[in-house]
Amino acid sequence: MTSIAPTAEARRSPVLTLLDKYEAAWPAEAAVVQQIRTLVLDHADCFDRTCRPGHLTGSAWVVSADAARHLLLHHRKLDKWLQPGGHADGDPDLAAVALREAAEETNLAGLEVLRGKPTLLDVDVHLIPARYDAAGELLEDAHEHHDLRFLIRAGGNETLVGNEESNALRWCTPTEVRALTNEPSVLRLLDKSADRLAVK
């Protein structure tokens, strides 16, 4: 039996549904949702890192099994404390992308997406600066990451083992998160996760 690859429209449809449900829950964020929606509608290759002016990425806001601590990593290239996440590399399932990136960047097993209403915890569009080698040659042009963010819970083993993308990994209380970073999008994740986890 021959399998038929999904059309570009069918591959993008689940992301558009996620965005519609997110916008209904967070109408004040309609502008950034529309920015991401436009990228998805205008670019069939939005899941590929070569897509310009930007592309979709998936991020994981990881909480400990008891939901008391939050995972931050110190990103080597960006020199910031951030949540795990990365490129879709062609995968239209952004929740799976977030899970994969979190597992690769932390070596945590047993991660699970905590699906609420909406499934997305947050969305963000941010500029990734151009990168140059030591001789000043351009390695990668500046571009945007259109980031879909999911709330993810760790399993029982919370021992962290990083990879080459980060300088450090740390479990943090909310107070420690605020001491490490003043990045608005990270603090937004912290606040939204607290609201989501407080709902019984």
N, C-alpha and C. Protein backbone atom coordinates (compact mmCIF):
# COMPACT_ATOMS: atom_id res chain seq x y z
N MET A 1 0.84 -1.19 0.00
CA MET A 1 0.00 0.00 0.00
C MET A 1 0.89 1.24 0.00
N THR A 2 0.60 2.16 -0.89
CA THR A 2 1.40 3.38 -1.02
C THR A 2 0.85 4.45 -0.10
N SER A 3 1.73 5.03 0.71
CA SER A 3 1.30 6.13 1.57
C SER A 3 1.45 7.44 0.82
N ILE A 4 0.53 8.33 1.08
CA ILE A 4 0.53 9.63 0.40
C ILE A 4 0.98 10.68 1.41
N ALA A 5 2.01 11.40 1.04
CA ALA A 5 2.52 12.45 1.92
C ALA A 5 1.46 13.53 2.09
N PRO A 6 1.31 14.07 3.29
CA PRO A 6 0.33 15.14 3.49
C PRO A 6 0.71 16.38 2.70
N THR A 7 -0.30 17.09 2.25
CA THR A 7 -0.04 18.32 1.52
C THR A 7 0.52 19.37 2.47
N ALA A 8 1.11 20.41 1.88
CA ALA A 8 1.66 21.49 2.70
C ALA A 8 0.57 22.10 3.57
N GLU A 9 -0.63 22.22 3.01
CA GLU A 9 -1.74 22.79 3.77
C GLU A 9 -2.12 21.90 4.95
N ALA A 10 -2.16 20.59 4.71
CA ALA A 10 -2.51 19.66 5.79
C ALA A 10 -1.45 19.65 6.89
N ARG A 11 -0.19 19.81 6.52
CA ARG A 11 0.89 19.82 7.51
C ARG A 11 0.81 21.06 8.39
N ARG A 12 0.32 22.16 7.83
CA ARG A 12 0.26 23.41 8.59
C ARG A 12 -1.02 23.56 9.40
N SER A 13 -2.05 22.80 9.05
CA SER A 13 -3.35 22.96 9.69
C SER A 13 -3.32 22.80 11.21
N PRO A 14 -2.62 21.79 11.78
CA PRO A 14 -2.61 21.66 13.24
C PRO A 14 -2.00 22.87 13.95
N VAL A 15 -0.99 23.47 13.36
CA VAL A 15 -0.38 24.67 13.96
C VAL A 15 -1.38 25.82 13.96
N LEU A 16 -2.09 25.98 12.86
CA LEU A 16 -3.08 27.05 12.78
C LEU A 16 -4.19 26.84 13.81
N THR A 17 -4.58 25.59 14.03
CA THR A 17 -5.58 25.30 15.05
C THR A 17 -5.07 25.65 16.44
N LEU A 18 -3.82 25.30 16.74
CA LEU A 18 -3.22 25.68 18.02
C LEU A 18 -3.24 27.19 18.22
N LEU A 19 -2.89 27.92 17.16
CA LEU A 19 -2.86 29.38 17.24
C LEU A 19 -4.25 29.96 17.44
N ASP A 20 -5.24 29.42 16.75
CA ASP A 20 -6.62 29.91 16.90
C ASP A 20 -7.10 29.73 18.34
N LYS A 21 -6.83 28.57 18.92
CA LYS A 21 -7.26 28.31 20.30
C LYS A 21 -6.50 29.17 21.30
N TYR A 22 -5.23 29.39 21.02
CA TYR A 22 -4.43 30.24 21.90
C TYR A 22 -4.95 31.68 21.86
N GLU A 23 -5.23 32.17 20.66
CA GLU A 23 -5.72 33.55 20.53
C GLU A 23 -7.06 33.72 21.24
N ALA A 24 -7.92 32.71 21.18
CA ALA A 24 -9.20 32.79 21.88
C ALA A 24 -9.01 32.91 23.39
N ALA A 25 -7.97 32.25 23.91
CA ALA A 25 -7.69 32.30 25.35
C ALA A 25 -6.93 33.55 25.76
N TRP A 26 -6.11 34.08 24.84
CA TRP A 26 -5.27 35.24 25.14
C TRP A 26 -5.48 36.31 24.06
N PRO A 27 -6.67 36.93 24.01
CA PRO A 27 -6.95 37.90 22.93
C PRO A 27 -6.02 39.10 22.93
N ALA A 28 -5.44 39.44 24.06
CA ALA A 28 -4.51 40.58 24.11
C ALA A 28 -3.24 40.31 23.31
N GLU A 29 -2.97 39.03 23.00
CA GLU A 29 -1.77 38.67 22.24
C GLU A 29 -2.08 38.43 20.76
N ALA A 30 -3.18 38.98 20.29
CA ALA A 30 -3.61 38.74 18.91
C ALA A 30 -2.57 39.18 17.89
N ALA A 31 -1.84 40.25 18.17
CA ALA A 31 -0.88 40.76 17.19
C ALA A 31 0.26 39.78 16.95
N VAL A 32 0.82 39.22 18.01
CA VAL A 32 1.92 38.27 17.83
C VAL A 32 1.41 36.96 17.24
N VAL A 33 0.19 36.55 17.61
CA VAL A 33 -0.40 35.35 17.01
C VAL A 33 -0.57 35.55 15.51
N GLN A 34 -1.04 36.73 15.12
CA GLN A 34 -1.23 37.00 13.69
C GLN A 34 0.10 37.01 12.95
N GLN A 35 1.14 37.49 13.59
CA GLN A 35 2.47 37.48 12.97
C GLN A 35 2.92 36.05 12.67
N ILE A 36 2.70 35.15 13.63
CA ILE A 36 3.06 33.75 13.42
C ILE A 36 2.15 33.11 12.38
N ARG A 37 0.86 33.40 12.47
CA ARG A 37 -0.10 32.84 11.51
C ARG A 37 0.26 33.25 10.08
N THR A 38 0.66 34.50 9.90
CA THR A 38 1.03 34.98 8.57
C THR A 38 2.23 34.21 8.03
N LEU A 39 3.23 33.98 8.89
CA LEU A 39 4.39 33.19 8.46
C LEU A 39 3.95 31.80 8.01
N VAL A 40 3.08 31.16 8.79
CA VAL A 40 2.64 29.81 8.47
C VAL A 40 1.86 29.78 7.15
N LEU A 41 0.98 30.74 6.97
CA LEU A 41 0.15 30.78 5.76
C LEU A 41 0.96 31.13 4.52
N ASP A 42 1.96 31.98 4.67
CA ASP A 42 2.72 32.47 3.51
C ASP A 42 3.90 31.59 3.13
N HIS A 43 4.33 30.69 4.02
CA HIS A 43 5.55 29.92 3.77
C HIS A 43 5.30 28.44 4.03
N ALA A 44 5.21 27.67 2.95
CA ALA A 44 5.03 26.22 3.09
C ALA A 44 6.22 25.57 3.80
N ASP A 45 7.37 26.25 3.76
CA ASP A 45 8.59 25.72 4.39
C ASP A 45 8.81 26.29 5.79
N CYS A 46 7.74 26.74 6.45
CA CYS A 46 7.87 27.40 7.76
C CYS A 46 8.46 26.50 8.84
N PHE A 47 8.47 25.17 8.62
CA PHE A 47 9.05 24.25 9.60
C PHE A 47 10.54 24.03 9.40
N ASP A 48 11.10 24.63 8.36
CA ASP A 48 12.52 24.43 8.02
C ASP A 48 13.35 25.62 8.47
N ARG A 49 14.52 25.38 9.01
CA ARG A 49 15.38 26.45 9.51
C ARG A 49 15.89 27.37 8.42
N THR A 50 15.76 26.97 7.16
CA THR A 50 16.18 27.82 6.04
C THR A 50 15.12 28.84 5.65
N CYS A 51 13.91 28.72 6.19
CA CYS A 51 12.82 29.64 5.84
C CYS A 51 13.14 31.04 6.35
N ARG A 52 12.93 32.03 5.49
CA ARG A 52 13.13 33.42 5.85
C ARG A 52 11.87 34.21 5.46
N PRO A 53 11.50 35.22 6.30
CA PRO A 53 12.33 35.92 7.29
C PRO A 53 12.48 35.20 8.62
N GLY A 54 11.83 34.06 8.78
CA GLY A 54 11.94 33.33 10.03
C GLY A 54 11.34 31.95 9.87
N HIS A 55 11.26 31.20 10.97
CA HIS A 55 10.71 29.85 10.92
C HIS A 55 10.18 29.47 12.29
N LEU A 56 9.37 28.41 12.30
CA LEU A 56 8.78 27.94 13.54
C LEU A 56 9.79 27.18 14.38
N THR A 57 9.70 27.37 15.68
CA THR A 57 10.50 26.63 16.64
C THR A 57 9.57 26.15 17.76
N GLY A 58 10.04 25.17 18.52
CA GLY A 58 9.26 24.66 19.65
C GLY A 58 10.06 24.74 20.93
N SER A 59 9.45 25.27 21.98
CA SER A 59 10.13 25.41 23.27
C SER A 59 9.38 24.67 24.37
N ALA A 60 10.14 24.30 25.41
CA ALA A 60 9.59 23.56 26.55
C ALA A 60 9.82 24.35 27.83
N TRP A 61 8.74 24.70 28.51
CA TRP A 61 8.86 25.24 29.86
C TRP A 61 8.71 24.04 30.79
N VAL A 62 9.84 23.55 31.29
CA VAL A 62 9.87 22.28 32.03
C VAL A 62 9.75 22.55 33.52
N VAL A 63 8.79 21.87 34.14
CA VAL A 63 8.63 21.95 35.59
C VAL A 63 9.00 20.59 36.19
N SER A 64 9.44 20.62 37.43
CA SER A 64 9.79 19.39 38.14
C SER A 64 8.53 18.56 38.38
N ALA A 65 8.73 17.31 38.76
CA ALA A 65 7.59 16.41 38.97
C ALA A 65 6.61 16.97 40.00
N ASP A 66 7.14 17.68 41.01
CA ASP A 66 6.27 18.28 42.03
C ASP A 66 5.83 19.69 41.67
N ALA A 67 6.24 20.16 40.47
CA ALA A 67 5.86 21.48 39.94
C ALA A 67 6.39 22.64 40.77
N ALA A 68 7.38 22.38 41.64
CA ALA A 68 7.91 23.44 42.50
C ALA A 68 9.08 24.18 41.88
N ARG A 69 9.74 23.54 40.89
CA ARG A 69 10.93 24.14 40.29
C ARG A 69 10.81 24.16 38.78
N HIS A 70 11.59 25.06 38.19
CA HIS A 70 11.55 25.29 36.75
C HIS A 70 12.96 25.15 36.19
N LEU A 71 13.04 24.63 34.97
CA LEU A 71 14.34 24.35 34.37
C LEU A 71 14.79 25.49 33.47
N LEU A 72 15.98 26.01 33.73
CA LEU A 72 16.61 26.99 32.86
C LEU A 72 17.96 26.47 32.41
N LEU A 73 18.34 26.87 31.19
CA LEU A 73 19.69 26.58 30.71
C LEU A 73 20.34 27.87 30.26
N HIS A 74 21.66 27.93 30.43
CA HIS A 74 22.40 29.11 29.98
C HIS A 74 22.87 28.84 28.57
N HIS A 75 22.22 29.51 27.60
CA HIS A 75 22.46 29.26 26.19
C HIS A 75 23.84 29.76 25.78
N ARG A 76 24.62 28.87 25.19
CA ARG A 76 26.01 29.20 24.85
C ARG A 76 26.09 30.33 23.82
N LYS A 77 25.31 30.24 22.74
CA LYS A 77 25.41 31.24 21.67
C LYS A 77 24.78 32.57 22.05
N LEU A 78 23.64 32.52 22.73
CA LEU A 78 22.92 33.74 23.06
C LEU A 78 23.34 34.35 24.39
N ASP A 79 24.08 33.60 25.22
CA ASP A 79 24.57 34.07 26.51
C ASP A 79 23.42 34.57 27.40
N LYS A 80 22.37 33.75 27.47
CA LYS A 80 21.20 34.10 28.28
C LYS A 80 20.66 32.83 28.95
N TRP A 81 20.00 33.04 30.09
CA TRP A 81 19.25 31.96 30.73
C TRP A 81 17.89 31.86 30.04
N LEU A 82 17.61 30.70 29.46
CA LEU A 82 16.40 30.49 28.68
C LEU A 82 15.82 29.11 28.96
N GLN A 83 14.67 28.84 28.38
CA GLN A 83 14.06 27.51 28.41
C GLN A 83 14.63 26.67 27.27
N PRO A 84 14.59 25.33 27.39
CA PRO A 84 15.01 24.48 26.28
C PRO A 84 14.10 24.68 25.06
N GLY A 85 14.66 24.46 23.90
CA GLY A 85 13.86 24.56 22.67
C GLY A 85 14.75 24.60 21.46
N GLY A 86 14.13 24.54 20.29
CA GLY A 86 14.93 24.58 19.08
C GLY A 86 14.13 24.43 17.82
N HIS A 87 14.86 24.15 16.75
CA HIS A 87 14.28 24.10 15.40
C HIS A 87 13.38 22.89 15.20
N ALA A 88 12.36 23.09 14.38
CA ALA A 88 11.46 21.99 14.03
C ALA A 88 12.13 21.02 13.06
N ASP A 89 13.02 21.54 12.22
CA ASP A 89 13.71 20.70 11.22
C ASP A 89 12.73 19.86 10.42
N GLY A 90 11.66 20.52 9.97
CA GLY A 90 10.69 19.88 9.10
C GLY A 90 9.54 19.20 9.80
N ASP A 91 9.58 19.08 11.12
CA ASP A 91 8.53 18.38 11.87
C ASP A 91 7.38 19.34 12.16
N PRO A 92 6.17 19.05 11.67
CA PRO A 92 5.04 19.95 11.91
C PRO A 92 4.41 19.81 13.30
N ASP A 93 4.83 18.81 14.07
CA ASP A 93 4.30 18.59 15.42
C ASP A 93 5.18 19.34 16.41
N LEU A 94 4.79 20.59 16.71
CA LEU A 94 5.65 21.43 17.54
C LEU A 94 5.72 20.97 18.99
N ALA A 95 4.69 20.29 19.49
CA ALA A 95 4.77 19.72 20.84
C ALA A 95 5.83 18.63 20.89
N ALA A 96 5.88 17.82 19.84
CA ALA A 96 6.92 16.78 19.76
C ALA A 96 8.30 17.41 19.64
N VAL A 97 8.39 18.51 18.92
CA VAL A 97 9.67 19.23 18.79
C VAL A 97 10.12 19.71 20.17
N ALA A 98 9.21 20.32 20.93
CA ALA A 98 9.56 20.81 22.26
C ALA A 98 10.03 19.67 23.17
N LEU A 99 9.33 18.54 23.12
CA LEU A 99 9.74 17.38 23.91
C LEU A 99 11.12 16.88 23.50
N ARG A 100 11.34 16.78 22.20
CA ARG A 100 12.63 16.28 21.69
C ARG A 100 13.77 17.20 22.11
N GLU A 101 13.57 18.50 21.94
CA GLU A 101 14.62 19.46 22.29
C GLU A 101 14.91 19.43 23.79
N ALA A 102 13.86 19.35 24.60
CA ALA A 102 14.07 19.29 26.05
C ALA A 102 14.86 18.05 26.43
N ALA A 103 14.52 16.92 25.83
CA ALA A 103 15.24 15.68 26.14
C ALA A 103 16.69 15.75 25.69
N GLU A 104 16.92 16.28 24.48
CA GLU A 104 18.29 16.37 23.96
C GLU A 104 19.15 17.32 24.77
N GLU A 105 18.56 18.43 25.24
CA GLU A 105 19.34 19.47 25.90
C GLU A 105 19.52 19.22 27.40
N THR A 106 18.78 18.27 27.97
CA THR A 106 18.84 18.04 29.41
C THR A 106 19.13 16.59 29.79
N ASN A 107 18.92 15.67 28.85
CA ASN A 107 19.04 14.23 29.09
C ASN A 107 17.99 13.72 30.07
N LEU A 108 16.90 14.47 30.23
CA LEU A 108 15.81 14.02 31.09
C LEU A 108 14.94 13.01 30.34
N ALA A 109 14.51 11.98 31.04
CA ALA A 109 13.59 10.99 30.47
C ALA A 109 12.22 11.15 31.12
N GLY A 110 11.21 10.60 30.48
CA GLY A 110 9.88 10.62 31.07
C GLY A 110 9.19 11.96 31.01
N LEU A 111 9.60 12.83 30.09
CA LEU A 111 8.96 14.13 29.94
C LEU A 111 7.57 13.98 29.33
N GLU A 112 6.64 14.81 29.78
CA GLU A 112 5.30 14.78 29.20
C GLU A 112 4.75 16.19 29.04
N VAL A 113 4.01 16.40 27.95
CA VAL A 113 3.35 17.68 27.72
C VAL A 113 2.11 17.74 28.59
N LEU A 114 1.97 18.81 29.35
CA LEU A 114 0.77 19.04 30.15
C LEU A 114 -0.20 19.85 29.30
N ARG A 115 -1.22 19.21 28.83
CA ARG A 115 -2.14 19.85 27.89
C ARG A 115 -3.25 20.55 28.66
N GLY A 116 -3.33 21.84 28.47
CA GLY A 116 -4.39 22.61 29.10
C GLY A 116 -5.30 23.17 28.03
N LYS A 117 -6.03 24.18 28.37
CA LYS A 117 -6.88 24.87 27.41
C LYS A 117 -6.48 26.33 27.42
N PRO A 118 -5.69 26.77 26.43
CA PRO A 118 -5.26 26.04 25.24
C PRO A 118 -4.05 25.15 25.53
N THR A 119 -3.71 24.29 24.54
CA THR A 119 -2.52 23.44 24.68
C THR A 119 -1.26 24.28 24.77
N LEU A 120 -1.16 25.32 23.94
CA LEU A 120 0.00 26.21 23.98
C LEU A 120 0.03 26.97 25.29
N LEU A 121 1.20 27.03 25.90
CA LEU A 121 1.38 27.84 27.10
C LEU A 121 1.67 29.29 26.73
N ASP A 122 2.41 29.49 25.63
CA ASP A 122 2.83 30.83 25.25
C ASP A 122 3.31 30.81 23.80
N VAL A 123 3.35 31.99 23.20
CA VAL A 123 3.96 32.15 21.88
C VAL A 123 4.85 33.39 21.93
N ASP A 124 5.85 33.41 21.06
CA ASP A 124 6.78 34.54 21.06
C ASP A 124 7.46 34.62 19.70
N VAL A 125 7.73 35.84 19.26
CA VAL A 125 8.55 36.07 18.07
C VAL A 125 9.74 36.90 18.50
N HIS A 126 10.94 36.40 18.24
CA HIS A 126 12.14 37.14 18.64
C HIS A 126 13.21 37.03 17.58
N LEU A 127 14.06 38.03 17.55
CA LEU A 127 15.12 38.11 16.54
C LEU A 127 16.35 37.35 17.01
N ILE A 128 16.87 36.51 16.13
CA ILE A 128 18.14 35.83 16.36
C ILE A 128 19.21 36.60 15.60
N PRO A 129 20.21 37.15 16.27
CA PRO A 129 21.21 37.97 15.58
C PRO A 129 22.07 37.16 14.63
N ALA A 130 22.63 37.86 13.65
CA ALA A 130 23.55 37.22 12.71
C ALA A 130 24.77 36.70 13.46
N ARG A 131 25.36 35.61 12.93
CA ARG A 131 26.57 35.04 13.53
C ARG A 131 27.71 35.08 12.52
N TYR A 132 28.91 35.39 13.03
CA TYR A 132 30.10 35.50 12.18
C TYR A 132 31.21 34.63 12.75
N ASP A 133 32.10 34.18 11.88
CA ASP A 133 33.26 33.43 12.37
C ASP A 133 34.36 34.40 12.80
N ALA A 134 35.49 33.87 13.25
CA ALA A 134 36.59 34.70 13.76
C ALA A 134 37.14 35.65 12.72
N ALA A 135 37.00 35.30 11.45
CA ALA A 135 37.50 36.15 10.37
C ALA A 135 36.48 37.17 9.90
N GLY A 136 35.31 37.17 10.53
CA GLY A 136 34.28 38.13 10.16
C GLY A 136 33.37 37.67 9.03
N GLU A 137 33.51 36.41 8.63
CA GLU A 137 32.64 35.88 7.57
C GLU A 137 31.29 35.49 8.18
N LEU A 138 30.23 35.81 7.43
CA LEU A 138 28.88 35.52 7.90
C LEU A 138 28.63 34.01 7.94
N LEU A 139 28.24 33.51 9.12
CA LEU A 139 27.87 32.11 9.26
C LEU A 139 26.37 31.90 9.10
N GLU A 140 25.61 32.84 9.65
CA GLU A 140 24.15 32.76 9.58
C GLU A 140 23.58 34.16 9.66
N ASP A 141 22.64 34.46 8.77
CA ASP A 141 22.05 35.80 8.77
C ASP A 141 21.06 35.95 9.92
N ALA A 142 20.75 37.20 10.24
CA ALA A 142 19.75 37.47 11.27
C ALA A 142 18.39 36.99 10.77
N HIS A 143 17.59 36.45 11.68
CA HIS A 143 16.27 35.95 11.30
C HIS A 143 15.42 35.84 12.56
N GLU A 144 14.15 35.53 12.36
CA GLU A 144 13.21 35.45 13.48
C GLU A 144 12.88 34.00 13.83
N HIS A 145 12.72 33.76 15.11
CA HIS A 145 12.16 32.51 15.60
C HIS A 145 10.71 32.78 16.01
N HIS A 146 9.80 32.06 15.40
CA HIS A 146 8.38 32.13 15.75
C HIS A 146 8.13 30.92 16.65
N ASP A 147 8.15 31.16 17.94
CA ASP A 147 8.28 30.11 18.94
C ASP A 147 6.95 29.72 19.56
N LEU A 148 6.60 28.44 19.48
CA LEU A 148 5.44 27.90 20.15
C LEU A 148 5.92 27.15 21.38
N ARG A 149 5.34 27.48 22.54
CA ARG A 149 5.88 27.03 23.83
C ARG A 149 4.86 26.16 24.57
N PHE A 150 5.36 25.07 25.12
CA PHE A 150 4.51 24.07 25.77
C PHE A 150 4.97 23.84 27.20
N LEU A 151 4.00 23.59 28.08
CA LEU A 151 4.31 23.25 29.47
C LEU A 151 4.60 21.76 29.55
N ILE A 152 5.76 21.41 30.09
CA ILE A 152 6.21 20.02 30.12
C ILE A 152 6.66 19.67 31.54
N ARG A 153 6.25 18.48 31.98
CA ARG A 153 6.61 18.03 33.33
C ARG A 153 7.67 16.94 33.25
N ALA A 154 8.64 17.03 34.15
CA ALA A 154 9.69 16.02 34.22
C ALA A 154 9.18 14.78 34.93
N GLY A 155 9.86 13.65 34.67
CA GLY A 155 9.55 12.41 35.37
C GLY A 155 10.26 12.37 36.72
N GLY A 156 10.44 11.19 37.26
CA GLY A 156 11.03 11.06 38.59
C GLY A 156 12.50 11.42 38.66
N ASN A 157 13.29 11.05 37.64
CA ASN A 157 14.73 11.34 37.65
C ASN A 157 14.96 12.74 37.10
N GLU A 158 15.44 13.65 37.94
CA GLU A 158 15.61 15.04 37.53
C GLU A 158 17.08 15.45 37.49
N THR A 159 17.97 14.47 37.30
CA THR A 159 19.39 14.76 37.15
C THR A 159 19.63 15.34 35.77
N LEU A 160 20.28 16.49 35.71
CA LEU A 160 20.47 17.22 34.45
C LEU A 160 21.84 16.94 33.86
N VAL A 161 21.87 16.65 32.56
CA VAL A 161 23.12 16.49 31.82
C VAL A 161 22.98 17.30 30.54
N GLY A 162 23.75 18.37 30.43
CA GLY A 162 23.63 19.26 29.28
C GLY A 162 24.35 18.75 28.06
N ASN A 163 24.29 19.54 26.99
CA ASN A 163 25.05 19.24 25.78
C ASN A 163 25.83 20.48 25.37
N GLU A 164 26.34 20.46 24.14
CA GLU A 164 27.23 21.54 23.69
C GLU A 164 26.51 22.87 23.49
N GLU A 165 25.19 22.88 23.54
CA GLU A 165 24.45 24.11 23.29
C GLU A 165 24.34 24.99 24.52
N SER A 166 24.66 24.46 25.70
CA SER A 166 24.49 25.25 26.92
C SER A 166 25.74 25.21 27.79
N ASN A 167 25.90 26.28 28.57
CA ASN A 167 27.00 26.36 29.53
C ASN A 167 26.62 25.73 30.87
N ALA A 168 25.33 25.77 31.19
CA ALA A 168 24.87 25.28 32.49
C ALA A 168 23.39 24.98 32.42
N LEU A 169 22.95 24.10 33.30
CA LEU A 169 21.53 23.77 33.48
C LEU A 169 21.21 23.90 34.95
N ARG A 170 20.00 24.36 35.25
CA ARG A 170 19.67 24.57 36.66
C ARG A 170 18.17 24.43 36.91
N TRP A 171 17.82 23.70 37.97
CA TRP A 171 16.46 23.73 38.49
C TRP A 171 16.32 24.94 39.39
N CYS A 172 15.27 25.73 39.21
CA CYS A 172 15.13 26.99 39.93
C CYS A 172 13.74 27.12 40.54
N THR A 173 13.70 27.69 41.73
CA THR A 173 12.42 28.12 42.28
C THR A 173 11.99 29.37 41.51
N PRO A 174 10.73 29.78 41.62
CA PRO A 174 10.33 31.02 40.97
C PRO A 174 11.19 32.22 41.35
N THR A 175 11.56 32.31 42.61
CA THR A 175 12.42 33.42 43.05
C THR A 175 13.78 33.36 42.36
N GLU A 176 14.32 32.17 42.22
CA GLU A 176 15.62 32.01 41.56
C GLU A 176 15.54 32.33 40.07
N VAL A 177 14.42 31.98 39.44
CA VAL A 177 14.24 32.34 38.02
C VAL A 177 14.33 33.85 37.87
N ARG A 178 13.63 34.57 38.73
CA ARG A 178 13.62 36.04 38.63
C ARG A 178 14.98 36.64 38.96
N ALA A 179 15.78 35.95 39.74
CA ALA A 179 17.13 36.45 40.05
C ALA A 179 18.09 36.21 38.88
N LEU A 180 17.85 35.17 38.10
CA LEU A 180 18.74 34.83 36.99
C LEU A 180 18.46 35.62 35.72
N THR A 181 17.21 36.00 35.51
CA THR A 181 16.87 36.62 34.23
C THR A 181 15.77 37.65 34.39
N ASN A 182 15.84 38.68 33.55
CA ASN A 182 14.73 39.63 33.45
C ASN A 182 14.14 39.60 32.04
N GLU A 183 14.41 38.51 31.30
CA GLU A 183 13.84 38.35 29.97
C GLU A 183 12.31 38.31 30.08
N PRO A 184 11.61 39.26 29.44
CA PRO A 184 10.15 39.29 29.57
C PRO A 184 9.47 37.99 29.16
N SER A 185 9.97 37.36 28.09
CA SER A 185 9.29 36.15 27.63
C SER A 185 9.49 34.99 28.59
N VAL A 186 10.62 34.94 29.28
CA VAL A 186 10.85 33.88 30.26
C VAL A 186 9.98 34.11 31.50
N LEU A 187 9.89 35.35 31.94
CA LEU A 187 9.06 35.65 33.10
C LEU A 187 7.59 35.44 32.79
N ARG A 188 7.21 35.67 31.54
CA ARG A 188 5.83 35.39 31.12
C ARG A 188 5.53 33.89 31.22
N LEU A 189 6.50 33.07 30.81
CA LEU A 189 6.34 31.62 30.93
C LEU A 189 6.19 31.21 32.40
N LEU A 190 6.99 31.81 33.25
CA LEU A 190 6.91 31.51 34.68
C LEU A 190 5.52 31.83 35.22
N ASP A 191 5.01 33.01 34.90
CA ASP A 191 3.71 33.43 35.40
C ASP A 191 2.58 32.58 34.83
N LYS A 192 2.65 32.31 33.52
CA LYS A 192 1.58 31.51 32.91
C LYS A 192 1.58 30.08 33.43
N SER A 193 2.76 29.53 33.67
CA SER A 193 2.80 28.16 34.19
C SER A 193 2.23 28.11 35.60
N ALA A 194 2.49 29.14 36.40
CA ALA A 194 1.92 29.17 37.75
C ALA A 194 0.40 29.18 37.69
N ASP A 195 -0.15 29.97 36.77
CA ASP A 195 -1.60 30.02 36.61
C ASP A 195 -2.14 28.68 36.14
N ARG A 196 -1.45 28.06 35.17
CA ARG A 196 -1.92 26.78 34.62
C ARG A 196 -1.88 25.69 35.69
N LEU A 197 -0.79 25.65 36.45
CA LEU A 197 -0.63 24.59 37.45
C LEU A 197 -1.54 24.78 38.66
N ALA A 198 -2.00 26.02 38.86
CA ALA A 198 -2.89 26.30 39.99
C ALA A 198 -4.31 25.84 39.71
N VAL A 199 -4.64 25.63 38.43
CA VAL A 199 -6.00 25.21 38.06
C VAL A 199 -6.17 23.74 38.39
N LYS A 200 -7.15 23.43 39.18
CA LYS A 200 -7.39 22.03 39.58
C LYS A 200 -8.34 21.35 38.60
